[in-house]
Protein backbone atom coordinates (compact mmCIF):
# COMPACT_ATOMS: atom_id res chain seq x y z
CA MET A 1 12.96 -0.06 -1.29
CA GLY A 2 13.32 3.68 -0.31
CA VAL A 3 9.51 4.48 -1.79
CA SER A 4 7.54 2.04 0.40
CA LEU A 5 9.87 2.63 4.01
CA ALA A 6 9.59 6.24 3.31
CA ALA A 7 5.92 6.52 2.54
CA LEU A 8 4.98 3.90 5.33
CA LEU A 9 6.66 6.12 7.83
CA ALA A 10 5.40 9.17 6.61
CA VAL A 11 1.80 7.87 6.55
CA SER A 12 1.36 4.59 4.94
CA ALA A 13 2.79 1.98 2.50
CA ALA A 14 2.14 3.17 -1.07
CA CYS A 15 2.74 1.65 -4.50
CA GLY A 16 1.13 0.32 -7.44
CA SER A 17 -0.21 1.16 -10.93
CA GLY A 18 -2.99 0.17 -13.90
CA GLY A 19 -5.98 -1.58 -13.06
CA SER A 20 -9.70 -1.45 -14.46
CA GLY A 21 -13.05 -0.97 -12.67
CA GLY A 22 -15.28 -3.86 -11.41
CA THR A 23 -18.64 -4.11 -9.99
CA PRO A 24 -19.16 -4.68 -6.53
CA GLY A 25 -20.34 -7.70 -5.30
CA THR A 26 -19.36 -9.79 -8.82
CA GLY A 27 -16.52 -11.84 -9.17
CA THR A 28 -14.27 -13.43 -11.34
CA GLY A 29 -13.38 -17.25 -11.39
CA GLY A 30 -15.54 -17.84 -8.53
CA ALA A 31 -14.28 -14.97 -6.53
CA THR A 32 -16.46 -12.23 -5.32
CA SER A 33 -15.57 -8.47 -5.24
CA ALA A 34 -14.18 -7.26 -1.93
CA ALA A 35 -16.77 -4.73 -1.42
CA THR A 36 -18.14 -3.68 1.60
CA THR A 37 -22.14 -3.83 1.20
CA PRO A 38 -23.01 -4.67 4.73
CA GLY A 39 -24.94 -7.45 5.64
CA ASN A 40 -25.57 -9.97 8.95
CA ALA A 41 -23.56 -10.28 11.58
CA ALA A 42 -21.64 -13.44 12.40
CA ASP A 43 -23.10 -15.97 14.61
CA ASN A 44 -20.77 -16.38 17.82
CA THR A 45 -21.99 -19.92 18.23
CA LYS A 46 -20.34 -21.23 15.54
CA SER A 47 -16.58 -21.76 15.73
CA PRO A 48 -14.17 -18.92 14.57
CA VAL A 49 -11.90 -18.70 11.72
CA THR A 50 -8.36 -17.69 13.23
CA ILE A 51 -5.82 -15.42 11.61
CA GLY A 52 -2.45 -14.07 12.60
CA PHE A 53 -1.59 -10.19 12.63
CA GLN A 54 1.91 -8.76 12.95
CA ASN A 55 2.38 -5.25 13.05
CA LEU A 56 5.34 -3.12 14.35
CA GLU A 57 4.53 -1.96 17.59
CA GLY A 58 6.82 -0.63 20.78
CA GLY A 59 10.11 -0.64 19.14
CA ALA A 60 12.31 2.10 17.45
CA ILE A 61 9.45 2.41 14.63
CA SER A 62 5.93 1.87 16.13
CA LEU A 63 2.71 2.13 13.92
CA PRO A 64 -0.16 1.23 16.32
CA GLU A 65 -2.62 3.06 13.86
CA ILE A 66 -2.11 0.24 11.52
CA ARG A 67 -3.41 -2.61 14.44
CA ASN A 68 -6.12 -0.19 15.25
CA GLY A 69 -7.62 0.13 11.66
CA PHE A 70 -6.91 -3.94 11.29
CA ASP A 71 -9.17 -4.29 14.52
CA ALA A 72 -11.88 -1.48 13.42
CA GLY A 73 -12.19 -4.13 9.99
CA VAL A 74 -12.29 -7.02 12.33
CA LYS A 75 -15.26 -5.49 14.30
CA TYR A 76 -17.10 -4.43 10.97
CA ILE A 77 -16.39 -7.96 9.18
CA ASN A 78 -18.27 -9.45 12.17
CA GLU A 79 -20.78 -7.19 12.73
CA GLN A 80 -21.78 -6.08 9.17
CA LEU A 81 -20.22 -8.68 6.56
CA GLY A 82 -21.51 -12.09 8.22
CA GLY A 83 -17.60 -12.95 9.26
CA ILE A 84 -16.38 -15.46 7.42
CA ASN A 85 -19.60 -17.12 5.67
CA GLY A 86 -21.30 -17.01 9.44
CA HIS A 87 -18.44 -17.84 11.40
CA PRO A 88 -16.71 -15.10 13.35
CA LEU A 89 -13.24 -13.83 12.34
CA LYS A 90 -10.73 -13.93 15.29
CA SER A 91 -7.21 -12.41 14.97
CA ILE A 92 -3.78 -13.46 17.06
CA ASN A 93 -2.24 -9.80 17.45
CA CYS A 94 1.51 -10.21 17.77
CA LYS A 95 3.70 -6.56 18.07
CA THR A 96 7.41 -7.13 16.30
CA ASP A 97 10.29 -4.68 16.66
CA SER A 98 12.05 -4.88 13.52
CA THR A 99 14.44 -7.76 14.42
CA PRO A 100 14.19 -11.06 12.98
CA GLU A 101 13.56 -12.70 16.58
CA SER A 102 10.26 -11.20 16.97
CA SER A 103 8.91 -11.68 13.45
CA VAL A 104 9.57 -15.55 14.27
CA ASN A 105 7.93 -15.81 17.64
CA CYS A 106 5.07 -14.34 15.55
CA ALA A 107 5.18 -16.61 13.21
CA ASN A 108 5.84 -19.76 15.90
CA GLN A 109 2.52 -18.22 17.68
CA PHE A 110 0.33 -18.49 14.61
CA VAL A 111 1.36 -21.99 13.91
CA GLU A 112 0.78 -23.10 17.39
CA GLN A 113 -2.66 -21.51 17.55
CA LYS A 114 -3.37 -22.68 14.22
CA ALA A 115 -3.99 -19.60 12.25
CA VAL A 116 -5.44 -20.36 8.47
CA LEU A 117 -3.51 -17.46 7.24
CA VAL A 118 -1.18 -14.20 8.19
CA ALA A 119 -1.91 -11.03 7.92
CA GLN A 120 0.88 -8.34 7.48
CA GLY A 121 0.62 -4.93 8.94
CA ALA A 122 4.19 -3.63 8.76
CA ASP A 123 7.15 -5.54 9.79
CA PHE A 124 10.79 -5.05 8.69
CA GLY A 125 11.63 -8.41 10.24
CA ALA A 126 8.94 -10.58 8.26
CA ASP A 127 11.75 -12.45 5.99
CA ALA A 128 12.98 -14.32 8.98
CA ALA A 129 9.52 -15.80 9.69
CA LEU A 130 9.21 -17.35 6.22
CA PRO A 131 11.14 -20.29 6.83
CA VAL A 132 8.57 -21.14 9.87
CA LEU A 133 5.35 -20.17 7.93
CA LYS A 134 6.63 -22.44 5.32
CA SER A 135 7.22 -25.09 6.96
CA ALA A 136 3.54 -24.94 8.36
CA LYS A 137 2.15 -24.39 4.71
CA LEU A 138 1.18 -20.98 6.21
CA ALA A 139 0.70 -18.21 3.43
CA THR A 140 0.99 -14.34 4.28
CA ILE A 141 -1.29 -11.72 2.89
CA GLY A 142 -0.86 -8.00 3.34
CA ALA A 143 -1.22 -4.55 1.46
CA PHE A 144 2.22 -4.03 0.63
CA PRO A 145 5.68 -5.73 0.98
CA LEU A 146 8.15 -4.12 2.61
CA THR A 147 10.98 -6.46 2.43
CA PRO A 148 12.76 -7.94 -0.15
CA GLY A 149 12.11 -11.69 0.56
CA MET A 150 8.44 -11.27 1.29
CA ASP A 151 8.30 -9.10 -2.14
CA THR A 152 9.93 -11.95 -4.19
CA ALA A 153 7.99 -15.14 -2.10
CA VAL A 154 6.06 -16.36 -4.69
CA GLY A 155 3.52 -18.71 -3.92
CA ASP A 156 3.95 -18.25 0.14
CA ALA A 157 3.03 -14.39 0.26
CA PHE A 158 0.50 -12.17 -1.62
CA PHE A 159 0.33 -8.83 -1.68
CA MET A 160 -2.63 -6.89 -2.65
CA GLN A 161 -1.62 -3.36 -3.78
CA GLY A 162 1.24 -3.95 -6.13
CA SER A 163 5.27 -4.07 -5.51
CA SER A 164 7.72 -1.14 -4.76
CA GLU A 165 8.95 -1.58 -8.64
CA GLU A 166 5.61 -0.40 -9.83
CA GLY A 167 5.30 2.64 -7.38
CA TYR A 168 9.11 3.85 -8.82
CA ALA A 169 7.56 3.07 -12.54
CA ALA A 170 4.32 4.89 -11.86
CA ASN A 171 5.91 8.12 -10.68
CA LEU A 172 7.66 8.71 -14.10
CA VAL A 173 4.78 7.78 -15.87
CA GLN A 174 2.63 10.08 -14.33
CA LEU A 175 5.15 12.61 -15.13
CA LYS A 176 5.65 11.83 -18.45
CA LYS A 177 1.52 11.95 -19.00
CA LEU A 178 1.83 15.48 -17.55
CA GLY A 179 4.31 16.77 -20.24
CA GLY A 180 7.36 15.64 -18.39
CA THR A 181 10.77 15.48 -20.43
CA LYS A 182 13.77 15.92 -18.14
CA VAL A 183 13.06 14.60 -15.00
CA ALA A 184 15.37 14.87 -11.70
CA VAL A 185 15.05 12.12 -9.54
CA VAL A 186 15.88 12.76 -5.84
CA MET A 187 16.36 10.15 -2.80
CA VAL A 188 18.07 9.77 0.08
CA ASP A 189 21.41 8.19 -0.22
CA ALA A 190 21.24 4.82 1.03
CA PRO A 191 22.11 1.32 -0.95
CA ALA A 192 18.71 0.53 -1.46
CA SER A 193 18.06 3.98 -3.23
CA HIS A 194 21.01 3.22 -5.82
CA GLN A 195 19.72 -0.29 -6.16
CA SER A 196 16.12 0.69 -6.96
CA TYR A 197 17.39 3.67 -9.59
CA ASP A 198 20.02 1.29 -11.34
CA LYS A 199 17.46 -1.53 -11.79
CA ILE A 200 13.85 0.17 -11.91
CA ILE A 201 14.04 3.80 -12.18
CA GLY A 202 16.87 4.24 -14.74
CA PRO A 203 15.60 1.64 -16.93
CA ALA A 204 12.07 2.72 -16.60
CA ALA A 205 12.79 6.31 -17.72
CA ALA A 206 14.55 5.03 -20.99
CA LYS A 207 11.76 3.06 -22.07
CA LEU A 208 9.47 6.11 -21.98
CA GLY A 209 12.06 8.18 -23.42
CA LEU A 210 12.74 10.49 -20.60
CA THR A 211 16.07 12.04 -19.58
CA ALA A 212 16.87 11.50 -16.18
CA LYS A 213 19.22 12.08 -13.42
CA VAL A 214 19.40 10.87 -9.82
CA PHE A 215 20.72 13.01 -7.34
CA TYR A 216 21.31 11.29 -4.04
CA VAL A 217 20.92 13.78 -0.83
CA PRO A 218 21.94 12.91 2.98
CA ALA A 219 19.36 12.84 5.48
CA GLN A 220 18.26 15.94 7.13
CA SER A 221 19.71 17.98 3.98
CA ASP A 222 20.02 21.78 3.72
CA TRP A 223 17.06 21.96 1.16
CA SER A 224 18.15 25.59 -0.24
CA VAL A 225 21.72 24.01 -0.97
CA GLN A 226 20.37 20.85 -2.47
CA ALA A 227 17.27 22.76 -4.49
CA ALA A 228 20.01 24.72 -6.19
CA THR A 229 22.05 21.65 -7.20
CA VAL A 230 19.36 19.47 -8.48
CA LEU A 231 17.70 22.78 -10.33
CA ALA A 232 20.97 23.88 -12.00
CA TRP A 233 20.70 20.69 -13.97
CA GLY A 234 17.47 22.47 -15.60
CA PRO A 235 14.88 19.59 -14.74
CA ASP A 236 11.19 20.15 -16.26
CA ALA A 237 9.97 17.85 -13.57
CA LEU A 238 10.87 16.38 -9.93
CA SER A 239 10.31 12.71 -8.60
CA THR A 240 11.47 13.01 -4.54
CA TYR A 241 11.61 10.30 -2.45
CA VAL A 242 12.34 12.18 0.65
CA ALA A 243 9.16 12.16 2.62
CA ALA A 244 10.67 12.42 5.99
CA ASP A 245 12.03 15.72 4.51
CA GLY A 246 8.90 16.76 2.44
CA LEU A 247 7.64 19.66 4.53
CA ALA A 248 11.27 21.40 3.62
CA ALA A 249 12.03 19.98 0.55
CA ILE A 250 8.93 21.24 -1.38
CA PRO A 251 9.27 24.85 -0.31
CA ALA A 252 12.87 25.05 -1.44
CA PHE A 253 12.33 23.83 -4.82
CA ARG A 254 9.40 26.54 -4.94
CA SER A 255 11.91 28.91 -3.52
CA ALA A 256 14.47 28.54 -5.74
CA GLY A 257 12.13 29.32 -8.83
CA PHE A 258 10.74 25.90 -9.83
CA THR A 259 7.22 25.82 -11.19
CA GLY A 260 7.13 22.41 -12.54
CA TYR A 261 5.42 19.07 -11.26
CA ILE A 262 6.78 17.51 -8.27
CA THR A 263 5.93 13.79 -7.14
CA ALA A 264 6.03 13.97 -3.14
CA GLY A 265 4.67 10.71 -2.35
CA SER A 266 2.07 9.34 -0.04
CA ASN A 267 3.01 12.30 2.66
CA VAL A 268 -0.27 13.99 2.51
CA GLU A 269 -0.32 14.92 6.07
CA ILE A 270 1.99 17.95 4.93
CA VAL A 271 -0.36 19.66 3.09
CA PRO A 272 -2.29 21.68 5.66
CA GLN A 273 1.15 22.91 6.87
CA LEU A 274 2.15 24.30 3.15
CA ASP A 275 0.61 27.39 1.59
CA SER A 276 -1.43 26.80 -1.82
CA SER A 277 1.29 28.68 -3.99
CA VAL A 278 3.73 26.02 -3.12
CA LEU A 279 1.30 22.90 -3.57
CA ASN A 280 0.56 23.86 -7.14
CA LYS A 281 1.51 21.17 -9.13
CA VAL A 282 2.73 18.71 -6.54
CA LEU A 283 1.73 15.49 -6.81
CA PHE A 284 0.49 12.87 -3.90
CA SER A 285 0.09 9.11 -4.54
CA ALA A 286 -1.69 6.49 -2.63
CA PRO A 287 -2.51 2.97 -3.50
CA TYR A 288 -6.04 3.34 -3.12
CA TYR A 289 -8.57 6.48 -2.63
CA LEU A 290 -7.89 8.14 0.64
CA PRO A 291 -10.98 10.27 2.64
CA GLU A 292 -8.78 12.95 2.01
CA PHE A 293 -9.62 12.84 -1.65
CA ALA A 294 -12.46 14.93 -3.51
CA ASN A 295 -14.34 13.11 -5.93
CA ILE A 296 -14.18 9.91 -4.99
CA PRO A 297 -15.76 7.45 -7.27
CA ALA A 298 -19.39 6.09 -6.28
CA ALA A 299 -18.19 2.24 -6.30
CA VAL A 300 -15.81 3.48 -3.45
CA GLN A 301 -17.55 5.84 -1.40
CA PRO A 302 -19.27 3.29 0.80
CA ASP A 303 -16.09 1.84 1.80
CA ILE A 304 -14.87 5.45 2.73
CA ASP A 305 -17.94 5.59 4.37
CA ALA A 306 -17.61 2.10 6.27
CA PHE A 307 -13.98 3.06 7.40
CA THR A 308 -15.16 6.61 8.51
CA LYS A 309 -17.84 4.75 11.09
CA TYR A 310 -15.70 2.28 12.21
CA THR A 311 -12.67 4.39 13.19
CA ALA A 312 -14.43 7.43 14.62
CA GLY A 313 -14.19 6.42 18.08
CA LEU A 314 -10.24 6.51 17.86
CA PRO A 315 -8.21 8.75 19.32
CA ALA A 316 -7.75 12.03 17.23
CA GLY A 317 -4.47 12.83 15.56
CA GLY A 318 -3.49 9.47 14.53
CA SER A 319 -2.46 8.51 10.87
CA VAL A 320 -5.75 8.26 9.22
CA THR A 321 -3.94 6.38 6.17
CA GLN A 322 -2.10 4.03 8.50
CA ARG A 323 -5.79 3.11 10.02
CA GLN A 324 -7.08 2.87 6.13
CA THR A 325 -4.08 0.13 5.75
CA GLY A 326 -5.12 -1.96 8.73
CA PHE A 327 -8.91 -2.00 7.60
CA TYR A 328 -7.83 -2.48 4.00
CA THR A 329 -5.63 -5.63 4.97
CA VAL A 330 -8.07 -7.37 6.95
CA LEU A 331 -11.05 -7.00 4.94
CA MET A 332 -8.98 -8.36 1.78
CA ALA A 333 -7.88 -10.95 4.06
CA ALA A 334 -11.74 -11.62 5.07
CA GLN A 335 -12.98 -11.98 1.18
CA ALA A 336 -9.89 -14.74 0.61
CA LEU A 337 -11.19 -16.78 3.38
CA ARG A 338 -15.06 -16.15 2.47
CA ASP A 339 -14.36 -17.33 -1.27
CA PHE A 340 -12.23 -20.27 -0.16
CA SER A 341 -14.97 -21.56 2.70
CA ALA A 342 -17.58 -20.86 0.18
CA LYS A 343 -16.10 -23.54 -1.67
CA SER A 344 -14.87 -26.01 1.18
CA ASP A 345 -16.29 -26.89 4.25
CA THR A 346 -12.78 -26.82 6.13
CA LEU A 347 -10.42 -24.24 5.97
CA THR A 348 -6.71 -25.13 6.83
CA ALA A 349 -3.69 -23.25 6.37
CA GLU A 350 -2.65 -25.32 3.63
CA SER A 351 -6.03 -25.14 1.63
CA VAL A 352 -6.13 -21.72 2.21
CA ARG A 353 -2.35 -21.31 0.68
CA THR A 354 -3.04 -23.50 -2.19
CA ALA A 355 -6.22 -21.36 -2.94
CA MET A 356 -4.57 -18.23 -2.60
CA SER A 357 -2.15 -19.04 -5.67
CA THR A 358 -5.31 -18.55 -8.01
CA TRP A 359 -7.61 -16.00 -6.39
CA LYS A 360 -8.91 -13.28 -8.02
CA GLY A 361 -11.67 -10.92 -8.00
CA ASP A 362 -13.08 -7.56 -9.45
CA ARG A 363 -12.85 -5.00 -7.08
CA GLU A 364 -11.08 -4.36 -4.04
CA PRO A 365 -12.06 -1.97 -1.06
CA PHE A 366 -11.14 1.85 -1.80
CA ARG A 367 -10.10 1.02 -5.41
CA THR A 368 -11.84 0.91 -8.54
CA ASN A 369 -9.45 -2.11 -9.82
CA GLY A 370 -9.55 -5.63 -9.09
CA TRP A 371 -6.41 -8.36 -8.21
CA ASP A 372 -5.53 -11.75 -9.56
CA CYS A 373 -2.77 -13.72 -7.69
CA ALA A 374 -2.05 -16.09 -10.65
CA LYS A 375 -0.48 -13.24 -12.53
CA PRO A 376 1.97 -11.03 -10.77
CA THR A 377 1.37 -7.37 -11.73
CA TRP A 378 5.81 -7.18 -11.92
CA PRO A 379 7.36 -9.95 -12.99
CA GLY A 380 8.93 -12.20 -9.87
CA THR A 381 7.06 -10.59 -7.03
CA THR A 382 4.34 -11.26 -4.73
CA ALA A 383 1.98 -7.97 -6.20
CA CYS A 384 -1.63 -9.30 -6.90
CA ALA A 385 -2.80 -6.15 -7.84
CA SER A 386 -1.40 -2.74 -8.52
CA GLY A 387 -3.55 0.65 -8.67
CA ASN A 388 -1.52 3.88 -7.91
CA VAL A 389 -3.85 6.94 -7.59
CA TYR A 390 -2.02 10.29 -8.07
CA ALA A 391 -3.78 13.53 -6.81
CA THR A 392 -3.02 17.27 -6.65
CA PRO A 393 -4.22 19.73 -3.54
CA GLY A 394 -6.78 22.69 -5.08
CA ALA A 395 -7.03 25.97 -3.66
CA ASP A 396 -8.89 24.52 -0.88
CA LYS A 397 -6.15 22.19 -0.22
CA LYS A 398 -8.51 19.16 -1.11
CA LEU A 399 -6.76 16.41 -3.02
CA ALA A 400 -8.19 15.95 -6.39
CA PRO A 401 -7.41 13.01 -8.49
CA LEU A 402 -6.16 13.54 -11.45
CA PRO A 403 -7.60 12.16 -14.77
CA ASP A 404 -7.30 8.54 -15.78
CA GLN A 405 -6.25 6.84 -12.43
CA PRO A 406 -4.85 4.44 -11.84
CA VAL A 407 -1.80 4.69 -13.74
CA ASP A 408 -1.35 2.23 -16.37
CA ILE A 409 2.63 1.04 -16.39
CA SER A 410 2.55 -1.65 -18.50
CA SER A 411 4.58 0.09 -20.76
CA VAL A 412 7.19 -0.05 -18.82
CA LYS A 413 6.97 -3.41 -17.26
CA PRO A 414 10.53 -5.61 -17.92
């Protein structure tokens, strides 16, 4: 799952493709949109609706900015969106450290404290918690599945941005739209990379009529050497999954004479550090419109404004995109609970889990597309939606989304 891990560690989880626009404030099949139109504050005299939130913090990999964004979203929901139909939203925040034991510990806390839904920030040990949550009929909602168990836990987990499979496929679809015919795929040499190329990237390239070749590189590569090796094959486009080395890899390919398109994942934080000439035809992807993007669609701008307002007090220098992931995740969780509580006076873990399986709506926050948890956007996965947005820096280094976004990958689905 190299695309998701590399992207998350750089700035945030990123994947997805395809989708259509919707009208904020309306819904499909009884569900409303997850638009962020302000309303009234929650009534603190009413009983709270409790959810769990698990996230990597304090271990070797620590992503507190996701929690910071999540907490800001809870505040926004309770102050401006009326909570959960008047009831305050309460979260049980639990830190994990990538070990199965820490994730199981969180799951037990959520069950004991009677959470009705679990929201996942980032957790590489999450698969170990699935038996505990399943036994309690407690569903998980999140932005992106980082682990294979969560990616395929159909009926128990629901991820609102798509699957890693879609992310890999979208890269190729976008490069072909831009005229690519011979694509070099550059990946860190790891078992997950080999599996992803063999099962997803290679077959998708064949369906698109692209000539593709994978180049596996070691971590912390000598990029002058790697660039020469890759370019000796003669590609006209590059699809890279080396986010941690993006700051070195992209200039190396340009210095070696490559002038075609390069996909660089979600590592938008390297943009200010690179020369504009190097960034020409470099594509960055995101599961939703980012504050850094120029020309944000009118329907999305209020979402960006709310996020900016409610995270304004956070320390400077943190990952804005990780904060946006947390903010987005709790907005989707709250939207689900509002939709379900509108039909039932009492929310339980079991009733929420059952309702999640058919939940759908017209437009997610920060996006123009809707979701439908009854129809996984990639077969056999827990992806309720899709919608990868590609953008390229202009001379001013502002990221301008390409035309015809989000990318439609229907032609390469198995």
